Amino acid sequence: MPEQPLHLDQLVPIPPSKVGLAVLGDPIIHSISPQMHNAALSELSLHHGRFAHWKYDKIEVSPQRLSEALPRLADFGYRGLNLTIPHKVDVLPLLQQTDPQAALMGAVNTLSWEDGNWKGYNTDGIGLSRAVKEAFGRGLNEYRVMVLGAGGASRAAVAQCLLEGCEHLAIYNRSMGRAQKLIESLNDHGLAQELELLSQPCNPFGVRESNILIINATSVGLCLEDPSPLNLSIFPPGTCVYDMVYNPPKTRLLKQARDLNLSYSNGLGMLIGQAVRSLEIWTGENVSADAMAEAAHSFKN
């Protein structure tokens, strides 16, 4: 059974000799971030003894109490926070400082206590980049990329692809209006590359391409009975499929990729990658993904 989360009213100040980290969400019970981060902190402490006094919790915070939670957590000795649903966008008006990449992505998943304030970062993009490279052996800029969806996760994926110089990028979303707003927002932040918008599922790249990457940035697949968001049979051999969903570990989309002998990966690598970057921001140290990956795989299995 997952470890029960803490609640805001249960918290007490952390001793000055210790440092608190946490993930905030609602609900948050199924988060495996504490197992991952505490495993990495344990490894870091072997080389830097101060990290033996750092601890990562999961705390359930409702949207209505987020503005109350942030100063309280700072007062109680927390110096780094991850944010998950539903806080990634709602936190923006509460911050005095936001990293340019977080502003570009329109969401914050990492807070760091710096100079007496919480500063917002977004590590989802770099998490995706690292995961794709690890899973398929090539960087985002080496693919023709098709992103499914136009929500917050899609925005992070599209922005990261553009930042890394992806030359051909298509977005498939049933609502063209929502996709267009995503593009306009990215353009407002200086990403002016041309993007192809698709309202119907199709292969915009051609059947002879061998460097196609499909990224599912929708929530389709979170439920086992969800259909595949795309018919992969219209794509050529050599196509790679990355699904941001990591639980269940094999969505209908990934099962179809397996049946077609396409390379595929679920979103666990992205979860690990963004967590590694968060811990690097907080600690100022290089963080190995191995300890986090081992903890994540052992917990999921």
C-alpha atoms as a PDB file:
ATOM      1  CA  MET A   1       0.000   0.000   0.000  1.00  0.00           C
ATOM      2  CA  PRO A   2       1.226   3.545  -0.743  1.00  0.00           C
ATOM      3  CA  GLU A   3       2.477   5.506   2.238  1.00  0.00           C
ATOM      4  CA  GLN A   4      -0.169   7.862   3.596  1.00  0.00           C
ATOM      5  CA  PRO A   5       0.490  11.547   2.854  1.00  0.00           C
ATOM      6  CA  LEU A   6       0.853  14.255   5.445  1.00  0.00           C
ATOM      7  CA  HIS A   7      -1.761  16.972   5.716  1.00  0.00           C
ATOM      8  CA  LEU A   8      -1.090  20.652   6.197  1.00  0.00           C
ATOM      9  CA  ASP A   9      -2.518  20.767   9.713  1.00  0.00           C
ATOM     10  CA  GLN A  10      -0.320  17.829  10.778  1.00  0.00           C
ATOM     11  CA  LEU A  11       2.950  19.575   9.987  1.00  0.00           C
ATOM     12  CA  VAL A  12       5.344  20.754  12.674  1.00  0.00           C
ATOM     13  CA  PRO A  13       8.515  22.826  12.279  1.00  0.00           C
ATOM     14  CA  ILE A  14      11.581  20.917  11.119  1.00  0.00           C
ATOM     15  CA  PRO A  15      14.642  21.225  13.395  1.00  0.00           C
ATOM     16  CA  PRO A  16      17.116  23.854  12.120  1.00  0.00           C
ATOM     17  CA  SER A  17      19.711  21.127  11.483  1.00  0.00           C
ATOM     18  CA  LYS A  18      17.447  19.473   8.906  1.00  0.00           C
ATOM     19  CA  VAL A  19      16.014  20.411   5.503  1.00  0.00           C
ATOM     20  CA  GLY A  20      12.552  19.499   4.261  1.00  0.00           C
ATOM     21  CA  LEU A  21      11.514  18.757   0.695  1.00  0.00           C
ATOM     22  CA  ALA A  22       8.066  17.661  -0.441  1.00  0.00           C
ATOM     23  CA  VAL A  23       5.609  17.124  -3.259  1.00  0.00           C
ATOM     24  CA  LEU A  24       2.236  18.875  -2.986  1.00  0.00           C
ATOM     25  CA  GLY A  25      -0.918  17.708  -4.717  1.00  0.00           C
ATOM     26  CA  ASP A  26      -4.553  16.771  -4.321  1.00  0.00           C
ATOM     27  CA  PRO A  27      -4.808  13.809  -4.347  1.00  0.00           C
ATOM     28  CA  ILE A  28      -1.206  12.813  -3.684  1.00  0.00           C
ATOM     29  CA  ILE A  29      -1.400   9.371  -2.074  1.00  0.00           C
ATOM     30  CA  HIS A  30      -0.169   7.481  -5.137  1.00  0.00           C
ATOM     31  CA  SER A  31       2.926   9.640  -5.677  1.00  0.00           C
ATOM     32  CA  ILE A  32       6.210   7.715  -5.701  1.00  0.00           C
ATOM     33  CA  SER A  33       8.299  10.903  -5.539  1.00  0.00           C
ATOM     34  CA  PRO A  34       9.285  10.382  -1.861  1.00  0.00           C
ATOM     35  CA  GLN A  35      10.736   6.940  -2.596  1.00  0.00           C
ATOM     36  CA  MET A  36      12.699   8.317  -5.545  1.00  0.00           C
ATOM     37  CA  HIS A  37      14.042  11.462  -3.887  1.00  0.00           C
ATOM     38  CA  ASN A  38      14.880   9.835  -0.564  1.00  0.00           C
ATOM     39  CA  ALA A  39      16.810   7.110  -2.390  1.00  0.00           C
ATOM     40  CA  ALA A  40      18.796   9.753  -4.261  1.00  0.00           C
ATOM     41  CA  LEU A  41      19.390  11.738  -1.066  1.00  0.00           C
ATOM     42  CA  SER A  42      20.659   8.602   0.643  1.00  0.00           C
ATOM     43  CA  GLU A  43      23.159   8.113  -2.173  1.00  0.00           C
ATOM     44  CA  LEU A  44      24.190  11.785  -2.102  1.00  0.00           C
ATOM     45  CA  SER A  45      24.803  11.576   1.647  1.00  0.00           C
ATOM     46  CA  LEU A  46      27.522   8.971   1.057  1.00  0.00           C
ATOM     47  CA  HIS A  47      29.601  11.702  -0.591  1.00  0.00           C
ATOM     48  CA  HIS A  48      28.177  14.817   1.086  1.00  0.00           C
ATOM     49  CA  GLY A  49      27.239  14.180   4.687  1.00  0.00           C
ATOM     50  CA  ARG A  50      24.908  17.164   4.972  1.00  0.00           C
ATOM     51  CA  PHE A  51      22.302  15.452   2.829  1.00  0.00           C
ATOM     52  CA  ALA A  52      21.785  12.821   5.531  1.00  0.00           C
ATOM     53  CA  HIS A  53      19.641  15.514   7.194  1.00  0.00           C
ATOM     54  CA  TRP A  54      17.422  16.133   4.173  1.00  0.00           C
ATOM     55  CA  LYS A  55      14.043  14.406   3.883  1.00  0.00           C
ATOM     56  CA  TYR A  56      11.344  14.387   1.203  1.00  0.00           C
ATOM     57  CA  ASP A  57       7.635  14.101   2.121  1.00  0.00           C
ATOM     58  CA  LYS A  58       4.337  14.072   0.265  1.00  0.00           C
ATOM     59  CA  ILE A  59       1.742  16.524   1.503  1.00  0.00           C
ATOM     60  CA  GLU A  60      -1.877  16.731   0.479  1.00  0.00           C
ATOM     61  CA  VAL A  61      -2.831  20.356  -0.114  1.00  0.00           C
ATOM     62  CA  SER A  62      -6.159  21.396  -1.596  1.00  0.00           C
ATOM     63  CA  PRO A  63      -6.218  24.186  -4.192  1.00  0.00           C
ATOM     64  CA  GLN A  64      -7.993  26.452  -1.714  1.00  0.00           C
ATOM     65  CA  ARG A  65      -5.086  26.176   0.748  1.00  0.00           C
ATOM     66  CA  LEU A  66      -2.111  26.488  -1.605  1.00  0.00           C
ATOM     67  CA  SER A  67      -1.594  30.193  -0.855  1.00  0.00           C
ATOM     68  CA  GLU A  68      -1.610  29.370   2.857  1.00  0.00           C
ATOM     69  CA  ALA A  69       0.655  26.341   2.460  1.00  0.00           C
ATOM     70  CA  LEU A  70       3.610  28.008   0.731  1.00  0.00           C
ATOM     71  CA  PRO A  71       4.590  30.486   3.488  1.00  0.00           C
ATOM     72  CA  ARG A  72       3.843  27.939   6.197  1.00  0.00           C
ATOM     73  CA  LEU A  73       6.117  25.353   4.601  1.00  0.00           C
ATOM     74  CA  ALA A  74       8.897  27.920   4.304  1.00  0.00           C
ATOM     75  CA  ASP A  75       8.486  28.884   7.966  1.00  0.00           C
ATOM     76  CA  PHE A  76       8.569  25.194   8.944  1.00  0.00           C
ATOM     77  CA  GLY A  77      11.902  24.539   7.218  1.00  0.00           C
ATOM     78  CA  TYR A  78      10.962  23.274   3.752  1.00  0.00           C
ATOM     79  CA  ARG A  79      13.345  24.506   1.076  1.00  0.00           C
ATOM     80  CA  GLY A  80      12.219  22.620  -2.028  1.00  0.00           C
ATOM     81  CA  LEU A  81       8.793  21.629  -3.304  1.00  0.00           C
ATOM     82  CA  ASN A  82       7.426  19.716  -6.271  1.00  0.00           C
ATOM     83  CA  LEU A  83       3.925  20.515  -7.478  1.00  0.00           C
ATOM     84  CA  THR A  84       1.552  18.177  -9.223  1.00  0.00           C
ATOM     85  CA  ILE A  85      -2.141  18.251 -10.117  1.00  0.00           C
ATOM     86  CA  PRO A  86      -3.841  20.679  -9.591  1.00  0.00           C
ATOM     87  CA  HIS A  87      -1.195  23.225  -8.540  1.00  0.00           C
ATOM     88  CA  LYS A  88       1.152  23.646 -11.529  1.00  0.00           C
ATOM     89  CA  VAL A  89      -0.714  26.592 -13.033  1.00  0.00           C
ATOM     90  CA  ASP A  90      -2.541  27.901  -9.958  1.00  0.00           C
ATOM     91  CA  VAL A  91       0.763  28.637  -8.235  1.00  0.00           C
ATOM     92  CA  LEU A  92       1.923  31.187 -10.823  1.00  0.00           C
ATOM     93  CA  PRO A  93       0.158  34.243  -9.317  1.00  0.00           C
ATOM     94  CA  LEU A  94       1.626  33.357  -5.918  1.00  0.00           C
ATOM     95  CA  LEU A  95       5.248  33.622  -7.064  1.00  0.00           C
ATOM     96  CA  GLN A  96       7.467  36.692  -7.242  1.00  0.00           C
ATOM     97  CA  GLN A  97      10.133  34.882  -9.268  1.00  0.00           C
ATOM     98  CA  THR A  98       9.700  32.439 -12.142  1.00  0.00           C
ATOM     99  CA  ASP A  99      12.435  30.857 -14.215  1.00  0.00           C
ATOM    100  CA  PRO A 100      12.157  31.859 -17.918  1.00  0.00           C
ATOM    101  CA  GLN A 101      11.595  28.256 -18.996  1.00  0.00           C
ATOM    102  CA  ALA A 102       8.747  27.856 -16.502  1.00  0.00           C
ATOM    103  CA  ALA A 103       7.179  31.061 -17.841  1.00  0.00           C
ATOM    104  CA  LEU A 104       7.549  29.697 -21.364  1.00  0.00           C
ATOM    105  CA  MET A 105       5.823  26.443 -20.416  1.00  0.00           C
ATOM    106  CA  GLY A 106       3.060  28.235 -18.531  1.00  0.00           C
ATOM    107  CA  ALA A 107       3.383  25.979 -15.502  1.00  0.00           C
ATOM    108  CA  VAL A 108       5.615  25.333 -12.507  1.00  0.00           C
ATOM    109  CA  ASN A 109       6.401  21.911 -11.077  1.00  0.00           C
ATOM    110  CA  THR A 110       9.351  22.854  -8.846  1.00  0.00           C
ATOM    111  CA  LEU A 111       9.765  25.533  -6.184  1.00  0.00           C
ATOM    112  CA  SER A 112      13.059  26.504  -4.602  1.00  0.00           C
ATOM    113  CA  TRP A 113      13.379  28.777  -1.559  1.00  0.00           C
ATOM    114  CA  GLU A 114      15.798  31.458  -2.722  1.00  0.00           C
ATOM    115  CA  ASP A 115      16.518  34.873  -1.153  1.00  0.00           C
ATOM    116  CA  GLY A 116      13.460  34.729   1.058  1.00  0.00           C
ATOM    117  CA  ASN A 117      10.965  33.762  -1.648  1.00  0.00           C
ATOM    118  CA  TRP A 118       9.762  30.740  -3.568  1.00  0.00           C
ATOM    119  CA  LYS A 119      11.120  30.697  -7.117  1.00  0.00           C
ATOM    120  CA  GLY A 120       9.317  28.619  -9.716  1.00  0.00           C
ATOM    121  CA  TYR A 121      10.902  26.230 -12.214  1.00  0.00           C
ATOM    122  CA  ASN A 122       9.629  23.697 -14.713  1.00  0.00           C
ATOM    123  CA  THR A 123      11.673  20.515 -15.070  1.00  0.00           C
ATOM    124  CA  ASP A 124       9.126  18.553 -17.137  1.00  0.00           C
ATOM    125  CA  GLY A 125      10.689  19.560 -20.444  1.00  0.00           C
ATOM    126  CA  ILE A 126      14.199  18.482 -19.539  1.00  0.00           C
ATOM    127  CA  GLY A 127      12.729  15.320 -18.002  1.00  0.00           C
ATOM    128  CA  LEU A 128      11.108  14.462 -21.324  1.00  0.00           C
ATOM    129  CA  SER A 129      14.291  15.256 -23.228  1.00  0.00           C
ATOM    130  CA  ARG A 130      16.418  13.003 -21.044  1.00  0.00           C
ATOM    131  CA  ALA A 131      13.850  10.205 -21.157  1.00  0.00           C
ATOM    132  CA  VAL A 132      13.583  10.214 -24.953  1.00  0.00           C
ATOM    133  CA  LYS A 133      17.360  10.159 -25.327  1.00  0.00           C
ATOM    134  CA  GLU A 134      17.666   7.281 -22.877  1.00  0.00           C
ATOM    135  CA  ALA A 135      14.802   5.286 -24.387  1.00  0.00           C
ATOM    136  CA  PHE A 136      15.581   5.694 -28.084  1.00  0.00           C
ATOM    137  CA  GLY A 137      19.179   6.887 -28.282  1.00  0.00           C
ATOM    138  CA  ARG A 138      18.493  10.178 -30.068  1.00  0.00           C
ATOM    139  CA  GLY A 139      17.689  13.714 -29.006  1.00  0.00           C
ATOM    140  CA  LEU A 140      14.423  15.511 -29.698  1.00  0.00           C
ATOM    141  CA  ASN A 141      16.084  17.603 -32.405  1.00  0.00           C
ATOM    142  CA  GLU A 142      16.842  14.443 -34.409  1.00  0.00           C
ATOM    143  CA  TYR A 143      13.168  13.554 -34.879  1.00  0.00           C
ATOM    144  CA  ARG A 144      10.113  14.681 -36.760  1.00  0.00           C
ATOM    145  CA  VAL A 145       7.805  14.948 -33.767  1.00  0.00           C
ATOM    146  CA  MET A 146       4.047  14.571 -33.465  1.00  0.00           C
ATOM    147  CA  VAL A 147       2.623  15.632 -30.096  1.00  0.00           C
ATOM    148  CA  LEU A 148      -0.845  14.430 -29.110  1.00  0.00           C
ATOM    149  CA  GLY A 149      -2.827  16.946 -27.078  1.00  0.00           C
ATOM    150  CA  ALA A 150      -2.781  20.688 -26.410  1.00  0.00           C
ATOM    151  CA  GLY A 151      -2.915  20.904 -22.617  1.00  0.00           C
ATOM    152  CA  GLY A 152      -0.213  21.684 -20.067  1.00  0.00           C
ATOM    153  CA  ALA A 153       1.774  18.494 -20.668  1.00  0.00           C
ATOM    154  CA  SER A 154       1.661  19.114 -24.408  1.00  0.00           C
ATOM    155  CA  ARG A 155       2.885  22.667 -23.946  1.00  0.00           C
ATOM    156  CA  ALA A 156       5.922  21.432 -22.029  1.00  0.00           C
ATOM    157  CA  ALA A 157       6.663  18.858 -24.739  1.00  0.00           C
ATOM    158  CA  VAL A 158       6.209  21.282 -27.631  1.00  0.00           C
ATOM    159  CA  ALA A 159       8.268  23.998 -25.944  1.00  0.00           C
ATOM    160  CA  GLN A 160      11.125  21.590 -25.210  1.00  0.00           C
ATOM    161  CA  CYS A 161      11.117  20.328 -28.803  1.00  0.00           C
ATOM    162  CA  LEU A 162      11.303  23.890 -30.113  1.00  0.00           C
ATOM    163  CA  LEU A 163      14.010  24.897 -27.638  1.00  0.00           C
ATOM    164  CA  GLU A 164      16.117  21.974 -28.816  1.00  0.00           C
ATOM    165  CA  GLY A 165      15.675  22.853 -32.477  1.00  0.00           C
ATOM    166  CA  CYS A 166      13.200  20.243 -33.692  1.00  0.00           C
ATOM    167  CA  GLU A 167      12.668  21.176 -37.349  1.00  0.00           C
ATOM    168  CA  HIS A 168       9.330  19.490 -38.092  1.00  0.00           C
ATOM    169  CA  LEU A 169       6.734  19.468 -35.340  1.00  0.00           C
ATOM    170  CA  ALA A 170       3.034  18.655 -35.600  1.00  0.00           C
ATOM    171  CA  ILE A 171       0.336  18.882 -32.920  1.00  0.00           C
ATOM    172  CA  TYR A 172      -2.794  16.756 -33.084  1.00  0.00           C
ATOM    173  CA  ASN A 173      -5.722  17.898 -30.974  1.00  0.00           C
ATOM    174  CA  ARG A 174      -9.433  17.577 -31.611  1.00  0.00           C
ATOM    175  CA  SER A 175      -9.977  21.213 -30.582  1.00  0.00           C
ATOM    176  CA  MET A 176      -8.133  23.415 -33.059  1.00  0.00           C
ATOM    177  CA  GLY A 177      -8.950  26.474 -30.970  1.00  0.00           C
ATOM    178  CA  ARG A 178      -7.109  25.128 -27.953  1.00  0.00           C
ATOM    179  CA  ALA A 179      -4.135  24.103 -30.081  1.00  0.00           C
ATOM    180  CA  GLN A 180      -4.027  27.538 -31.692  1.00  0.00           C
ATOM    181  CA  LYS A 181      -3.980  29.218 -28.280  1.00  0.00           C
ATOM    182  CA  LEU A 182      -1.040  27.022 -27.315  1.00  0.00           C
ATOM    183  CA  ILE A 183       0.872  28.136 -30.415  1.00  0.00           C
ATOM    184  CA  GLU A 184       0.039  31.806 -29.883  1.00  0.00           C
ATOM    185  CA  SER A 185       1.245  31.632 -26.301  1.00  0.00           C
ATOM    186  CA  LEU A 186       4.542  30.037 -27.325  1.00  0.00           C
ATOM    187  CA  ASN A 187       4.981  32.668 -30.032  1.00  0.00           C
ATOM    188  CA  ASP A 188       4.430  35.385 -27.424  1.00  0.00           C
ATOM    189  CA  HIS A 189       7.396  33.936 -25.549  1.00  0.00           C
ATOM    190  CA  GLY A 190       9.685  34.059 -28.554  1.00  0.00           C
ATOM    191  CA  LEU A 191       9.259  30.582 -30.048  1.00  0.00           C
ATOM    192  CA  ALA A 192       8.261  31.514 -33.574  1.00  0.00           C
ATOM    193  CA  GLN A 193       8.953  28.289 -35.446  1.00  0.00           C
ATOM    194  CA  GLU A 194       6.183  27.088 -37.721  1.00  0.00           C
ATOM    195  CA  LEU A 195       4.079  24.236 -36.382  1.00  0.00           C
ATOM    196  CA  GLU A 196       1.594  22.021 -38.145  1.00  0.00           C
ATOM    197  CA  LEU A 197      -1.805  21.746 -36.475  1.00  0.00           C
ATOM    198  CA  LEU A 198      -3.875  18.610 -37.059  1.00  0.00           C
ATOM    199  CA  SER A 199      -7.545  18.197 -36.206  1.00  0.00           C
ATOM    200  CA  GLN A 200      -7.677  14.637 -37.537  1.00  0.00           C
ATOM    201  CA  PRO A 201      -5.360  11.726 -36.683  1.00  0.00           C
ATOM    202  CA  CYS A 202      -3.016  11.232 -39.619  1.00  0.00           C
ATOM    203  CA  ASN A 203       0.645  10.831 -40.528  1.00  0.00           C
ATOM    204  CA  PRO A 204       1.887  14.278 -41.562  1.00  0.00           C
ATOM    205  CA  PHE A 205       5.426  13.125 -42.294  1.00  0.00           C
ATOM    206  CA  GLY A 206       5.190  10.508 -45.054  1.00  0.00           C
ATOM    207  CA  VAL A 207       5.598   6.750 -45.069  1.00  0.00           C
ATOM    208  CA  ARG A 208       9.303   6.731 -45.877  1.00  0.00           C
ATOM    209  CA  GLU A 209      10.490   8.695 -42.876  1.00  0.00           C
ATOM    210  CA  SER A 210      12.472   6.704 -40.334  1.00  0.00           C
ATOM    211  CA  ASN A 211      12.939   9.386 -37.696  1.00  0.00           C
ATOM    212  CA  ILE A 212       9.393   9.934 -36.447  1.00  0.00           C
ATOM    213  CA  LEU A 213       8.657  10.351 -32.730  1.00  0.00           C
ATOM    214  CA  ILE A 214       5.096  10.336 -31.401  1.00  0.00           C
ATOM    215  CA  ILE A 215       4.577  11.797 -27.918  1.00  0.00           C
ATOM    216  CA  ASN A 216       1.273  11.211 -26.140  1.00  0.00           C
ATOM    217  CA  ALA A 217       0.770  14.237 -23.892  1.00  0.00           C
ATOM    218  CA  THR A 218      -2.922  13.559 -23.248  1.00  0.00           C
ATOM    219  CA  SER A 219      -4.434  11.763 -20.263  1.00  0.00           C
ATOM    220  CA  VAL A 220      -5.842   9.079 -22.573  1.00  0.00           C
ATOM    221  CA  GLY A 221      -4.421   5.851 -21.219  1.00  0.00           C
ATOM    222  CA  LEU A 222      -4.667   6.581 -17.507  1.00  0.00           C
ATOM    223  CA  CYS A 223      -7.598   4.176 -17.370  1.00  0.00           C
ATOM    224  CA  LEU A 224      -7.041   0.632 -18.597  1.00  0.00           C
ATOM    225  CA  GLU A 225     -10.212   0.767 -20.685  1.00  0.00           C
ATOM    226  CA  ASP A 226      -9.106   3.924 -22.533  1.00  0.00           C
ATOM    227  CA  PRO A 227      -8.749   3.480 -26.302  1.00  0.00           C
ATOM    228  CA  SER A 228      -5.584   4.341 -28.168  1.00  0.00           C
ATOM    229  CA  PRO A 229      -5.538   8.051 -29.093  1.00  0.00           C
ATOM    230  CA  LEU A 230      -3.984   7.251 -32.480  1.00  0.00           C
ATOM    231  CA  ASN A 231      -3.855   4.420 -35.025  1.00  0.00           C
ATOM    232  CA  LEU A 232      -0.146   3.658 -35.258  1.00  0.00           C
ATOM    233  CA  SER A 233      -0.516   1.422 -38.292  1.00  0.00           C
ATOM    234  CA  ILE A 234      -0.383   4.505 -40.544  1.00  0.00           C
ATOM    235  CA  PHE A 235       3.204   5.177 -39.456  1.00  0.00           C
ATOM    236  CA  PRO A 236       6.284   3.515 -40.961  1.00  0.00           C
ATOM    237  CA  PRO A 237       8.604   0.993 -39.290  1.00  0.00           C
ATOM    238  CA  GLY A 238      11.178   2.776 -37.184  1.00  0.00           C
ATOM    239  CA  THR A 239       8.640   5.129 -35.613  1.00  0.00           C
ATOM    240  CA  CYS A 240       9.215   5.681 -31.875  1.00  0.00           C
ATOM    241  CA  VAL A 241       6.306   6.106 -29.446  1.00  0.00           C
ATOM    242  CA  TYR A 242       6.620   7.877 -26.097  1.00  0.00           C
ATOM    243  CA  ASP A 243       3.617   7.914 -23.765  1.00  0.00           C
ATOM    244  CA  MET A 244       3.826  10.339 -20.829  1.00  0.00           C
ATOM    245  CA  VAL A 245       1.455   8.051 -18.909  1.00  0.00           C
ATOM    246  CA  TYR A 246       3.449   5.689 -16.665  1.00  0.00           C
ATOM    247  CA  ASN A 247       0.649   4.038 -14.707  1.00  0.00           C
ATOM    248  CA  PRO A 248      -0.577   1.746 -16.165  1.00  0.00           C
ATOM    249  CA  PRO A 249       2.886   0.931 -17.512  1.00  0.00           C
ATOM    250  CA  LYS A 250       1.557  -0.278 -20.865  1.00  0.00           C
ATOM    251  CA  THR A 251      -1.312   1.771 -22.267  1.00  0.00           C
ATOM    252  CA  ARG A 252      -3.394   0.757 -25.283  1.00  0.00           C
ATOM    253  CA  LEU A 253      -1.175   3.002 -27.401  1.00  0.00           C
ATOM    254  CA  LEU A 254       1.978   1.221 -26.229  1.00  0.00           C
ATOM    255  CA  LYS A 255       0.414  -2.202 -26.682  1.00  0.00           C
ATOM    256  CA  GLN A 256      -0.315  -1.257 -30.274  1.00  0.00           C
ATOM    257  CA  ALA A 257       3.278  -0.075 -30.703  1.00  0.00           C
ATOM    258  CA  ARG A 258       4.492  -3.415 -29.329  1.00  0.00           C
ATOM    259  CA  ASP A 259       2.264  -5.359 -31.704  1.00  0.00           C
ATOM    260  CA  LEU A 260       3.626  -3.340 -34.647  1.00  0.00           C
ATOM    261  CA  ASN A 261       7.237  -3.868 -33.511  1.00  0.00           C
ATOM    262  CA  LEU A 262       7.752  -0.136 -32.953  1.00  0.00           C
ATOM    263  CA  SER A 263      10.115   1.190 -30.298  1.00  0.00           C
ATOM    264  CA  TYR A 264       8.153   2.524 -27.327  1.00  0.00           C
ATOM    265  CA  SER A 265       8.468   3.769 -23.771  1.00  0.00           C
ATOM    266  CA  ASN A 266       6.124   4.884 -21.019  1.00  0.00           C
ATOM    267  CA  GLY A 267       6.476   8.048 -18.951  1.00  0.00           C
ATOM    268  CA  LEU A 268       8.408   6.652 -16.006  1.00  0.00           C
ATOM    269  CA  GLY A 269      11.680   7.871 -17.498  1.00  0.00           C
ATOM    270  CA  MET A 270      10.269  11.383 -17.750  1.00  0.00           C
ATOM    271  CA  LEU A 271       9.143  11.236 -14.123  1.00  0.00           C
ATOM    272  CA  ILE A 272      12.669  10.246 -13.121  1.00  0.00           C
ATOM    273  CA  GLY A 273      14.280  12.857 -15.367  1.00  0.00           C
ATOM    274  CA  GLN A 274      12.255  15.762 -14.026  1.00  0.00           C
ATOM    275  CA  ALA A 275      12.856  14.572 -10.462  1.00  0.00           C
ATOM    276  CA  VAL A 276      16.614  14.425 -11.025  1.00  0.00           C
ATOM    277  CA  ARG A 277      16.612  17.998 -12.318  1.00  0.00           C
ATOM    278  CA  SER A 278      14.528  19.198  -9.357  1.00  0.00           C
ATOM    279  CA  LEU A 279      16.954  17.678  -6.887  1.00  0.00           C
ATOM    280  CA  GLU A 280      19.882  19.229  -8.768  1.00  0.00           C
ATOM    281  CA  ILE A 281      18.253  22.650  -8.396  1.00  0.00           C
ATOM    282  CA  TRP A 282      17.776  22.196  -4.648  1.00  0.00           C
ATOM    283  CA  THR A 283      21.130  20.619  -3.809  1.00  0.00           C
ATOM    284  CA  GLY A 284      23.446  22.252  -6.334  1.00  0.00           C
ATOM    285  CA  GLU A 285      24.960  18.831  -6.945  1.00  0.00           C
ATOM    286  CA  ASN A 286      24.961  16.408  -9.851  1.00  0.00           C
ATOM    287  CA  VAL A 287      22.341  13.754  -9.178  1.00  0.00           C
ATOM    288  CA  SER A 288      22.505  10.248 -10.576  1.00  0.00           C
ATOM    289  CA  ALA A 289      19.271   8.903 -11.989  1.00  0.00           C
ATOM    290  CA  ASP A 290      20.198   5.329 -11.037  1.00  0.00           C
ATOM    291  CA  ALA A 291      19.053   5.480  -7.411  1.00  0.00           C
ATOM    292  CA  MET A 292      15.783   7.144  -8.389  1.00  0.00           C
ATOM    293  CA  ALA A 293      15.173   4.654 -11.187  1.00  0.00           C
ATOM    294  CA  GLU A 294      15.807   1.675  -8.912  1.00  0.00           C
ATOM    295  CA  ALA A 295      13.420   3.054  -6.292  1.00  0.00           C
ATOM    296  CA  ALA A 296      10.764   3.844  -8.891  1.00  0.00           C
ATOM    297  CA  HIS A 297      10.949   0.432 -10.553  1.00  0.00           C
ATOM    298  CA  SER A 298      10.943  -1.469  -7.270  1.00  0.00           C
ATOM    299  CA  PHE A 299       7.920   0.494  -6.058  1.00  0.00           C
ATOM    300  CA  LYS A 300       5.995   0.058  -9.315  1.00  0.00           C
ATOM    301  CA  ASN A 301       6.809  -3.622  -9.437  1.00  0.00           C
END
